[in-house]
Amino acid sequence: MNEFPIQDLDVVTSKSKLAVNMKCSLRSIHNYHEIAVGYVDDFLEDYPTMHGQFLTSCPLTIYQCWVLYRIYQFLKLIPKAEVLKHSLENDQKTQHQYSKTHFKAIYPEFKEEELNNDSKAICRLA
């Protein structure tokens, strides 16, 4: 699987900019986002919260962009979202491959506190 072009992204990225970087439609990004929100626990938890609700309209963190890219890559190989959803729901190895722990192992240069704080600050300004 190709590595995620992380160097092309800002610390937080809009879904439309991610679509341009991944050379896919914004609708595809929204479809991948729906899968991630429903099946990747760390993905949703990376959003800031307000009154106990995740603010999913905020820009994406680099980790979240990486998850969406991995979903994109998977669906290029096996264009059946149900296969991926089933794996994310039932296979611990697949769950780990989309986890924030796995992301941090691949990209140790990113500190969680910096990523989360930047996302929350930008969301507050929006």
Foldseek 3Di string as FASTA:
>chain_A
DDADPLVVDDQFAALCVLCVVLVHDSVLLVVLVVLCVVQQVQQQVLADDDPRHGPVNFTGGSLNSRLSVVLVVVCVVPVDSVVLSCCSRPPPVSNVCSHVVVVCVVVVVDDSVVSSVVRVVRVVVD
